[in-house]
């Protein structure tokens, strides 16, 4: 996958395309309760959820236009790790911890922002009501909520190194 990404970026460079921003989305969400962890499964979870986004940042940031925003999708497990998915939460927490570092590395040319997402699209219909009742706003988020946050970060030239939490106030309930 990394080779394909690099080839695509090289093709854009050759075509003279200027990249004005990027959103990095990478994740696998395996249930992994204590007692089931193995070196191979931990490495696979961390490779997709932490290593791959860092490699993307390394490849994309030098190609971004001045003033661009490089954004990462995280989730609210960075605030309260999920015990049945602790290796996943650890990987997302690791990614969250490097957002300020990446902002420092790429400043002042490129800004870096993370988004900690709460429930945006539930897996099953019954989950929507369950999750909505646990937010201050009484609803789950939708794709438009995420789009607004991404656009806000992209259009805010004085915002960098921060993680915006989109959870409808769930962590305050």
N, C-alpha and C. Protein backbone atom coordinates (compact mmCIF):
# COMPACT_ATOMS: atom_id res chain seq x y z
N UNK A 1 0.82 -1.19 0.00
CA UNK A 1 0.00 0.00 0.00
C UNK A 1 0.87 1.25 0.00
N UNK A 2 1.96 1.26 0.76
CA UNK A 2 2.84 2.42 0.81
C UNK A 2 3.47 2.69 -0.54
N UNK A 3 3.84 1.63 -1.27
CA UNK A 3 4.42 1.81 -2.59
C UNK A 3 3.42 2.46 -3.54
N UNK A 4 2.17 2.05 -3.46
CA UNK A 4 1.13 2.63 -4.31
C UNK A 4 0.94 4.10 -3.98
N UNK A 5 0.92 4.43 -2.68
CA UNK A 5 0.75 5.81 -2.27
C UNK A 5 1.90 6.67 -2.79
N UNK A 6 3.12 6.18 -2.66
CA UNK A 6 4.28 6.94 -3.13
C UNK A 6 4.22 7.13 -4.64
N UNK A 7 3.81 6.10 -5.37
CA UNK A 7 3.69 6.22 -6.83
C UNK A 7 2.63 7.27 -7.19
N UNK A 8 1.52 7.27 -6.47
CA UNK A 8 0.46 8.26 -6.73
C UNK A 8 0.96 9.67 -6.43
N UNK A 9 1.68 9.84 -5.32
CA UNK A 9 2.22 11.16 -4.98
C UNK A 9 3.25 11.62 -6.01
N UNK A 10 4.09 10.70 -6.48
CA UNK A 10 5.06 11.04 -7.52
C UNK A 10 4.36 11.46 -8.80
N UNK A 11 3.28 10.78 -9.15
CA UNK A 11 2.52 11.12 -10.36
C UNK A 11 1.91 12.52 -10.23
N UNK A 12 1.43 12.86 -9.04
CA UNK A 12 0.89 14.20 -8.82
C UNK A 12 1.99 15.25 -8.96
N UNK A 13 3.18 14.95 -8.41
CA UNK A 13 4.31 15.87 -8.53
C UNK A 13 4.66 16.09 -10.01
N UNK A 14 4.73 15.00 -10.75
CA UNK A 14 5.07 15.06 -12.17
C UNK A 14 4.06 15.89 -12.95
N UNK A 15 2.78 15.76 -12.56
CA UNK A 15 1.72 16.51 -13.24
C UNK A 15 1.66 17.97 -12.78
N UNK A 16 2.48 18.33 -11.78
CA UNK A 16 2.47 19.71 -11.29
C UNK A 16 1.31 20.03 -10.37
N UNK A 17 0.66 19.00 -9.84
CA UNK A 17 -0.48 19.18 -8.95
C UNK A 17 -0.01 19.63 -7.57
N UNK A 18 -0.65 20.65 -7.05
CA UNK A 18 -0.35 21.14 -5.70
C UNK A 18 -1.43 20.61 -4.76
N UNK A 19 -1.00 19.99 -3.68
CA UNK A 19 -1.94 19.43 -2.71
C UNK A 19 -2.18 20.47 -1.63
N UNK A 20 -3.44 20.85 -1.45
CA UNK A 20 -3.75 21.93 -0.51
C UNK A 20 -4.15 21.45 0.88
N UNK A 21 -4.20 20.16 1.08
CA UNK A 21 -4.53 19.60 2.39
C UNK A 21 -4.75 18.11 2.26
N UNK A 22 -4.73 17.43 3.39
CA UNK A 22 -4.94 15.98 3.37
C UNK A 22 -5.56 15.53 4.68
N UNK A 23 -6.39 14.50 4.59
CA UNK A 23 -6.99 13.87 5.77
C UNK A 23 -6.55 12.41 5.75
N UNK A 24 -5.88 11.99 6.81
CA UNK A 24 -5.39 10.62 6.90
C UNK A 24 -6.38 9.80 7.71
N UNK A 25 -6.90 8.76 7.06
CA UNK A 25 -7.85 7.84 7.70
C UNK A 25 -7.24 6.45 7.60
N UNK A 26 -6.97 5.84 8.72
CA UNK A 26 -6.43 4.49 8.72
C UNK A 26 -6.91 3.80 9.98
N UNK A 27 -7.43 2.60 9.84
CA UNK A 27 -7.86 1.93 11.05
C UNK A 27 -8.36 0.52 10.83
N UNK A 28 -8.09 -0.25 11.81
CA UNK A 28 -8.70 -1.55 11.99
C UNK A 28 -9.12 -1.59 13.44
N UNK A 29 -10.22 -2.21 13.73
CA UNK A 29 -10.88 -2.06 15.01
C UNK A 29 -11.15 -3.43 15.64
N UNK A 30 -10.12 -4.25 15.82
CA UNK A 30 -10.35 -5.61 16.31
C UNK A 30 -10.66 -5.64 17.81
N UNK A 31 -11.61 -6.48 18.15
CA UNK A 31 -11.83 -6.73 19.57
C UNK A 31 -10.67 -7.61 20.03
N UNK A 32 -10.05 -7.22 21.14
CA UNK A 32 -8.87 -7.94 21.63
C UNK A 32 -8.82 -7.87 23.15
N UNK A 33 -9.68 -8.66 23.81
CA UNK A 33 -9.67 -8.63 25.28
C UNK A 33 -8.37 -9.20 25.86
N UNK A 34 -8.09 -8.79 27.07
CA UNK A 34 -6.92 -9.30 27.79
C UNK A 34 -6.93 -10.82 27.75
N UNK A 35 -5.79 -11.40 27.52
CA UNK A 35 -5.67 -12.85 27.43
C UNK A 35 -5.63 -13.35 26.00
N UNK A 36 -5.99 -12.48 25.05
CA UNK A 36 -5.96 -12.88 23.63
C UNK A 36 -4.83 -12.21 22.87
N UNK A 37 -4.06 -11.36 23.53
CA UNK A 37 -3.01 -10.63 22.84
C UNK A 37 -1.86 -11.55 22.44
N UNK A 38 -1.36 -11.34 21.25
CA UNK A 38 -0.19 -12.06 20.75
C UNK A 38 0.67 -11.05 19.99
N UNK A 39 1.96 -11.27 19.94
CA UNK A 39 2.83 -10.30 19.26
C UNK A 39 2.39 -9.96 17.83
N UNK A 40 1.96 -10.96 17.10
CA UNK A 40 1.58 -10.73 15.70
C UNK A 40 0.33 -9.85 15.59
N UNK A 41 -0.67 -10.11 16.43
CA UNK A 41 -1.89 -9.32 16.34
C UNK A 41 -1.67 -7.90 16.85
N UNK A 42 -0.85 -7.74 17.88
CA UNK A 42 -0.53 -6.40 18.36
C UNK A 42 0.20 -5.60 17.28
N UNK A 43 1.18 -6.25 16.66
CA UNK A 43 1.94 -5.56 15.60
C UNK A 43 1.03 -5.17 14.44
N UNK A 44 0.11 -6.03 14.05
CA UNK A 44 -0.80 -5.72 12.95
C UNK A 44 -1.70 -4.54 13.31
N UNK A 45 -2.22 -4.53 14.52
CA UNK A 45 -3.08 -3.42 14.96
C UNK A 45 -2.32 -2.11 14.99
N UNK A 46 -1.11 -2.14 15.53
CA UNK A 46 -0.32 -0.91 15.62
C UNK A 46 0.19 -0.46 14.26
N UNK A 47 0.50 -1.41 13.37
CA UNK A 47 0.99 -1.06 12.04
C UNK A 47 -0.06 -0.25 11.28
N UNK A 48 -1.31 -0.68 11.34
CA UNK A 48 -2.37 0.01 10.60
C UNK A 48 -2.80 1.29 11.29
N UNK A 49 -2.93 1.27 12.61
CA UNK A 49 -3.49 2.41 13.33
C UNK A 49 -2.48 3.46 13.75
N UNK A 50 -1.20 3.14 13.75
CA UNK A 50 -0.18 4.10 14.18
C UNK A 50 0.93 4.25 13.14
N UNK A 51 1.55 3.16 12.75
CA UNK A 51 2.68 3.26 11.82
C UNK A 51 2.26 3.81 10.47
N UNK A 52 1.18 3.30 9.91
CA UNK A 52 0.76 3.75 8.58
C UNK A 52 0.43 5.25 8.56
N UNK A 53 -0.33 5.79 9.52
CA UNK A 53 -0.56 7.24 9.50
C UNK A 53 0.73 8.06 9.62
N UNK A 54 1.69 7.59 10.41
CA UNK A 54 2.96 8.31 10.52
C UNK A 54 3.72 8.28 9.19
N UNK A 55 3.71 7.14 8.52
CA UNK A 55 4.36 7.05 7.22
C UNK A 55 3.66 7.94 6.19
N UNK A 56 2.34 8.01 6.28
CA UNK A 56 1.59 8.92 5.39
C UNK A 56 2.01 10.36 5.64
N UNK A 57 2.11 10.75 6.89
CA UNK A 57 2.51 12.12 7.22
C UNK A 57 3.89 12.43 6.66
N UNK A 58 4.79 11.49 6.82
CA UNK A 58 6.15 11.67 6.32
C UNK A 58 6.17 11.84 4.80
N UNK A 59 5.32 11.12 4.10
CA UNK A 59 5.28 11.18 2.64
C UNK A 59 4.52 12.39 2.12
N UNK A 60 3.44 12.74 2.80
CA UNK A 60 2.55 13.78 2.28
C UNK A 60 3.00 15.19 2.66
N UNK A 61 3.42 15.40 3.89
CA UNK A 61 3.72 16.75 4.38
C UNK A 61 4.68 17.54 3.48
N UNK A 62 5.77 16.93 3.00
CA UNK A 62 6.67 17.72 2.14
C UNK A 62 6.03 18.15 0.82
N UNK A 63 4.96 17.49 0.43
CA UNK A 63 4.30 17.79 -0.84
C UNK A 63 3.11 18.76 -0.69
N UNK A 64 2.77 19.10 0.54
CA UNK A 64 1.65 20.01 0.77
C UNK A 64 2.06 21.46 0.52
N UNK A 65 1.12 22.23 0.03
CA UNK A 65 1.34 23.66 -0.18
C UNK A 65 1.52 24.37 1.15
N UNK A 66 2.23 25.48 1.12
CA UNK A 66 2.39 26.29 2.33
C UNK A 66 1.02 26.69 2.87
N UNK A 67 0.86 26.58 4.19
CA UNK A 67 -0.40 26.93 4.84
C UNK A 67 -1.42 25.81 4.87
N UNK A 68 -1.06 24.65 4.32
CA UNK A 68 -1.99 23.51 4.29
C UNK A 68 -2.21 22.94 5.68
N UNK A 69 -3.22 22.09 5.76
CA UNK A 69 -3.53 21.41 7.01
C UNK A 69 -3.54 19.91 6.77
N UNK A 70 -2.73 19.19 7.53
CA UNK A 70 -2.70 17.73 7.51
C UNK A 70 -3.53 17.27 8.70
N UNK A 71 -4.60 16.50 8.42
CA UNK A 71 -5.54 16.12 9.48
C UNK A 71 -5.57 14.60 9.64
N UNK A 72 -5.77 14.17 10.87
CA UNK A 72 -5.82 12.75 11.20
C UNK A 72 -7.13 12.42 11.90
N UNK A 73 -7.77 11.33 11.50
CA UNK A 73 -8.97 10.87 12.19
C UNK A 73 -8.57 9.89 13.28
N UNK A 74 -8.92 10.23 14.49
CA UNK A 74 -8.70 9.40 15.67
C UNK A 74 -10.09 8.99 16.16
N UNK A 75 -10.21 8.65 17.40
CA UNK A 75 -11.52 8.51 18.00
C UNK A 75 -11.43 8.74 19.49
N UNK A 76 -12.58 8.71 20.14
CA UNK A 76 -12.63 9.09 21.55
C UNK A 76 -11.98 8.08 22.48
N UNK A 77 -11.49 6.97 21.95
CA UNK A 77 -10.76 6.05 22.81
C UNK A 77 -9.47 6.68 23.32
N UNK A 78 -9.06 7.81 22.74
CA UNK A 78 -7.87 8.51 23.27
C UNK A 78 -8.17 9.15 24.61
N UNK A 79 -9.45 9.41 24.90
CA UNK A 79 -9.84 10.00 26.18
C UNK A 79 -10.19 8.93 27.22
N UNK A 80 -10.77 7.84 26.77
CA UNK A 80 -11.17 6.74 27.67
C UNK A 80 -10.95 5.43 26.92
N UNK A 81 -9.78 4.80 27.11
CA UNK A 81 -9.47 3.58 26.36
C UNK A 81 -10.54 2.50 26.53
N UNK A 82 -10.79 1.81 25.43
CA UNK A 82 -11.78 0.73 25.42
C UNK A 82 -11.11 -0.57 25.86
N UNK A 83 -11.57 -1.12 26.94
CA UNK A 83 -10.92 -2.28 27.53
C UNK A 83 -10.96 -3.51 26.63
N UNK A 84 -12.01 -3.67 25.84
CA UNK A 84 -12.09 -4.83 24.94
C UNK A 84 -11.29 -4.60 23.64
N UNK A 85 -10.79 -3.40 23.49
CA UNK A 85 -9.99 -3.05 22.30
C UNK A 85 -8.77 -2.22 22.74
N UNK A 86 -8.15 -2.62 23.81
CA UNK A 86 -7.06 -1.84 24.40
C UNK A 86 -5.87 -1.68 23.45
N UNK A 87 -5.45 -2.69 22.69
CA UNK A 87 -4.35 -2.46 21.74
C UNK A 87 -4.69 -1.39 20.69
N UNK A 88 -5.93 -1.39 20.22
CA UNK A 88 -6.39 -0.35 19.28
C UNK A 88 -6.34 1.02 19.96
N UNK A 89 -6.87 1.11 21.18
CA UNK A 89 -6.87 2.37 21.91
C UNK A 89 -5.45 2.86 22.13
N UNK A 90 -4.53 1.94 22.41
CA UNK A 90 -3.13 2.32 22.61
C UNK A 90 -2.54 2.91 21.33
N UNK A 91 -2.86 2.31 20.20
CA UNK A 91 -2.36 2.82 18.92
C UNK A 91 -2.91 4.21 18.63
N UNK A 92 -4.21 4.40 18.84
CA UNK A 92 -4.82 5.72 18.60
C UNK A 92 -4.29 6.74 19.60
N UNK A 93 -4.07 6.31 20.85
CA UNK A 93 -3.48 7.20 21.85
C UNK A 93 -2.06 7.61 21.45
N UNK A 94 -1.31 6.66 20.89
CA UNK A 94 0.03 6.98 20.40
C UNK A 94 -0.02 8.00 19.28
N UNK A 95 -0.95 7.82 18.36
CA UNK A 95 -1.10 8.77 17.26
C UNK A 95 -1.50 10.14 17.79
N UNK A 96 -2.40 10.16 18.76
CA UNK A 96 -2.81 11.43 19.36
C UNK A 96 -1.62 12.14 20.00
N UNK A 97 -0.74 11.38 20.62
CA UNK A 97 0.40 12.00 21.31
C UNK A 97 1.41 12.61 20.35
N UNK A 98 1.41 12.18 19.10
CA UNK A 98 2.37 12.77 18.16
C UNK A 98 1.79 13.93 17.35
N UNK A 99 0.50 14.21 17.49
CA UNK A 99 -0.09 15.35 16.77
C UNK A 99 0.67 16.65 17.09
N UNK A 100 0.91 16.97 18.36
CA UNK A 100 1.68 18.20 18.64
C UNK A 100 3.11 18.12 18.11
N UNK A 101 3.71 16.94 18.16
CA UNK A 101 5.07 16.78 17.64
C UNK A 101 5.13 16.99 16.14
N UNK A 102 4.17 16.43 15.42
CA UNK A 102 4.13 16.64 13.98
C UNK A 102 3.88 18.11 13.67
N UNK A 103 3.03 18.76 14.46
CA UNK A 103 2.79 20.19 14.26
C UNK A 103 4.10 20.97 14.41
N UNK A 104 4.90 20.60 15.38
CA UNK A 104 6.19 21.28 15.57
C UNK A 104 7.15 20.98 14.44
N UNK A 105 7.16 19.72 13.98
CA UNK A 105 8.07 19.34 12.89
C UNK A 105 7.75 20.07 11.59
N UNK A 106 6.47 20.19 11.29
CA UNK A 106 6.06 20.72 9.99
C UNK A 106 5.82 22.24 9.99
N UNK A 107 5.82 22.86 11.18
CA UNK A 107 5.58 24.31 11.28
C UNK A 107 6.77 25.07 10.70
N UNK A 108 6.54 26.22 10.17
CA UNK A 108 5.27 26.93 10.04
C UNK A 108 4.54 26.63 8.73
N UNK A 109 5.13 25.78 7.90
CA UNK A 109 4.61 25.56 6.55
C UNK A 109 3.31 24.78 6.52
N UNK A 110 3.19 23.74 7.34
CA UNK A 110 2.01 22.86 7.34
C UNK A 110 1.48 22.75 8.76
N UNK A 111 0.17 22.87 8.90
CA UNK A 111 -0.50 22.72 10.20
C UNK A 111 -0.98 21.28 10.35
N UNK A 112 -1.10 20.82 11.59
CA UNK A 112 -1.53 19.44 11.87
C UNK A 112 -2.65 19.48 12.90
N UNK A 113 -3.74 18.77 12.60
CA UNK A 113 -4.90 18.73 13.50
C UNK A 113 -5.43 17.29 13.53
N UNK A 114 -5.83 16.85 14.71
CA UNK A 114 -6.47 15.55 14.86
C UNK A 114 -7.94 15.73 15.19
N UNK A 115 -8.71 14.70 14.90
CA UNK A 115 -10.15 14.69 15.20
C UNK A 115 -10.46 13.41 15.97
N UNK A 116 -10.89 13.55 17.22
CA UNK A 116 -11.30 12.40 18.04
C UNK A 116 -12.80 12.24 17.85
N UNK A 117 -13.18 11.22 17.12
CA UNK A 117 -14.58 11.02 16.77
C UNK A 117 -15.28 10.13 17.78
N UNK A 118 -16.47 10.55 18.16
CA UNK A 118 -17.37 9.69 18.92
C UNK A 118 -18.20 8.92 17.92
N UNK A 119 -19.37 8.51 18.29
CA UNK A 119 -20.22 7.74 17.39
C UNK A 119 -20.71 8.63 16.25
N UNK A 120 -20.27 8.31 15.06
CA UNK A 120 -20.71 9.03 13.87
C UNK A 120 -21.67 8.14 13.08
N UNK A 121 -21.26 6.93 12.80
CA UNK A 121 -22.11 5.97 12.09
C UNK A 121 -22.13 4.67 12.89
N UNK A 122 -23.18 4.39 13.62
CA UNK A 122 -23.21 3.16 14.41
C UNK A 122 -23.25 1.94 13.51
N UNK A 123 -22.73 0.83 14.02
CA UNK A 123 -22.69 -0.41 13.25
C UNK A 123 -24.08 -1.01 13.05
N UNK A 124 -24.93 -0.85 14.03
CA UNK A 124 -26.27 -1.44 13.95
C UNK A 124 -27.31 -0.39 14.33
N UNK A 125 -28.51 -0.53 13.80
CA UNK A 125 -29.57 0.45 14.03
C UNK A 125 -29.86 0.65 15.52
N UNK A 126 -29.90 -0.41 16.29
CA UNK A 126 -30.19 -0.31 17.72
C UNK A 126 -29.15 0.47 18.49
N UNK A 127 -27.92 0.50 17.97
CA UNK A 127 -26.87 1.24 18.64
C UNK A 127 -27.11 2.74 18.60
N UNK A 128 -27.77 3.24 17.57
CA UNK A 128 -27.96 4.68 17.42
C UNK A 128 -28.69 5.26 18.63
N UNK A 129 -29.77 4.64 19.02
CA UNK A 129 -30.54 5.14 20.17
C UNK A 129 -29.71 5.02 21.45
N UNK A 130 -29.08 3.89 21.64
CA UNK A 130 -28.24 3.65 22.81
C UNK A 130 -27.15 4.71 22.91
N UNK A 131 -26.46 4.98 21.81
CA UNK A 131 -25.37 5.95 21.81
C UNK A 131 -25.87 7.38 21.95
N UNK A 132 -26.98 7.69 21.29
CA UNK A 132 -27.54 9.05 21.35
C UNK A 132 -27.92 9.43 22.78
N UNK A 133 -28.45 8.48 23.54
CA UNK A 133 -28.86 8.74 24.92
C UNK A 133 -27.67 9.05 25.82
N UNK A 134 -26.48 8.76 25.38
CA UNK A 134 -25.29 8.97 26.19
C UNK A 134 -24.53 10.26 25.82
N UNK A 135 -25.11 11.08 24.95
CA UNK A 135 -24.48 12.35 24.59
C UNK A 135 -25.26 13.50 25.20
N UNK A 136 -24.61 14.62 25.38
CA UNK A 136 -25.30 15.81 25.88
C UNK A 136 -26.27 16.36 24.84
N UNK A 137 -25.99 16.13 23.57
CA UNK A 137 -26.85 16.65 22.51
C UNK A 137 -28.01 15.72 22.17
N UNK A 138 -28.01 14.50 22.72
CA UNK A 138 -29.11 13.57 22.50
C UNK A 138 -29.16 12.99 21.09
N UNK A 139 -28.03 12.97 20.40
CA UNK A 139 -27.98 12.39 19.07
C UNK A 139 -26.57 11.91 18.77
N UNK A 140 -26.44 11.08 17.77
CA UNK A 140 -25.11 10.71 17.31
C UNK A 140 -24.75 11.65 16.17
N UNK A 141 -23.49 11.69 15.84
CA UNK A 141 -23.03 12.53 14.76
C UNK A 141 -23.28 11.89 13.41
N UNK A 142 -23.19 12.70 12.40
CA UNK A 142 -23.33 12.23 11.04
C UNK A 142 -22.14 12.68 10.22
N UNK A 143 -22.07 12.21 8.99
CA UNK A 143 -20.95 12.61 8.14
C UNK A 143 -20.82 14.13 7.99
N UNK A 144 -21.93 14.85 7.98
CA UNK A 144 -21.87 16.32 7.85
C UNK A 144 -21.16 16.95 9.04
N UNK A 145 -21.31 16.36 10.23
CA UNK A 145 -20.62 16.89 11.42
C UNK A 145 -19.11 16.78 11.24
N UNK A 146 -18.66 15.64 10.76
CA UNK A 146 -17.23 15.45 10.51
C UNK A 146 -16.76 16.39 9.41
N UNK A 147 -17.52 16.52 8.35
CA UNK A 147 -17.13 17.42 7.24
C UNK A 147 -16.96 18.84 7.73
N UNK A 148 -17.87 19.31 8.59
CA UNK A 148 -17.74 20.67 9.13
C UNK A 148 -16.47 20.83 9.95
N UNK A 149 -16.13 19.83 10.74
CA UNK A 149 -14.92 19.91 11.57
C UNK A 149 -13.66 19.91 10.71
N UNK A 150 -13.64 19.07 9.69
CA UNK A 150 -12.49 19.02 8.79
C UNK A 150 -12.35 20.36 8.06
N UNK A 151 -13.46 20.89 7.61
CA UNK A 151 -13.42 22.18 6.91
C UNK A 151 -12.97 23.29 7.87
N UNK A 152 -13.49 23.28 9.09
CA UNK A 152 -13.08 24.28 10.08
C UNK A 152 -11.56 24.25 10.27
N UNK A 153 -11.01 23.05 10.47
CA UNK A 153 -9.56 22.94 10.68
C UNK A 153 -8.79 23.41 9.44
N UNK A 154 -9.27 23.03 8.27
CA UNK A 154 -8.58 23.40 7.03
C UNK A 154 -8.59 24.92 6.82
N UNK A 155 -9.64 25.57 7.27
CA UNK A 155 -9.79 27.01 7.03
C UNK A 155 -9.36 27.88 8.21
N UNK A 156 -8.74 27.29 9.22
CA UNK A 156 -8.33 28.04 10.41
C UNK A 156 -6.81 28.15 10.45
N UNK A 157 -6.26 29.22 9.88
CA UNK A 157 -4.81 29.32 9.73
C UNK A 157 -4.01 29.46 11.02
N UNK A 158 -4.69 29.63 12.14
CA UNK A 158 -3.98 29.76 13.42
C UNK A 158 -4.20 28.53 14.30
N UNK A 159 -4.72 27.45 13.73
CA UNK A 159 -4.99 26.21 14.46
C UNK A 159 -3.99 25.16 14.05
N UNK A 160 -3.22 24.65 15.01
CA UNK A 160 -2.30 23.56 14.75
C UNK A 160 -1.96 22.85 16.06
N UNK A 161 -1.63 21.57 15.95
CA UNK A 161 -1.22 20.79 17.12
C UNK A 161 -2.33 20.40 18.05
N UNK A 162 -3.57 20.60 17.64
CA UNK A 162 -4.72 20.33 18.50
C UNK A 162 -5.51 19.11 18.03
N UNK A 163 -6.27 18.56 18.98
CA UNK A 163 -7.21 17.48 18.67
C UNK A 163 -8.60 17.98 19.01
N UNK A 164 -9.46 18.02 18.01
CA UNK A 164 -10.85 18.42 18.20
C UNK A 164 -11.66 17.17 18.49
N UNK A 165 -12.48 17.20 19.54
CA UNK A 165 -13.31 16.05 19.89
C UNK A 165 -14.73 16.28 19.41
N UNK A 166 -15.21 15.34 18.61
CA UNK A 166 -16.57 15.39 18.07
C UNK A 166 -17.34 14.20 18.64
N UNK A 167 -17.92 14.38 19.81
CA UNK A 167 -18.64 13.28 20.45
C UNK A 167 -20.00 13.71 21.01
N UNK A 168 -20.48 14.89 20.64
CA UNK A 168 -21.76 15.35 21.13
C UNK A 168 -21.79 15.58 22.63
N UNK A 169 -20.60 15.74 23.23
CA UNK A 169 -20.52 15.94 24.67
C UNK A 169 -20.57 14.65 25.48
N UNK A 170 -20.38 13.52 24.82
CA UNK A 170 -20.49 12.25 25.54
C UNK A 170 -19.49 12.15 26.70
N UNK A 171 -18.29 12.62 26.50
CA UNK A 171 -17.29 12.45 27.58
C UNK A 171 -17.60 13.31 28.78
N UNK A 172 -18.52 14.28 28.68
CA UNK A 172 -18.89 15.13 29.80
C UNK A 172 -20.14 14.66 30.50
N UNK A 173 -20.74 13.63 30.00
CA UNK A 173 -21.98 13.15 30.58
C UNK A 173 -21.73 12.23 31.75
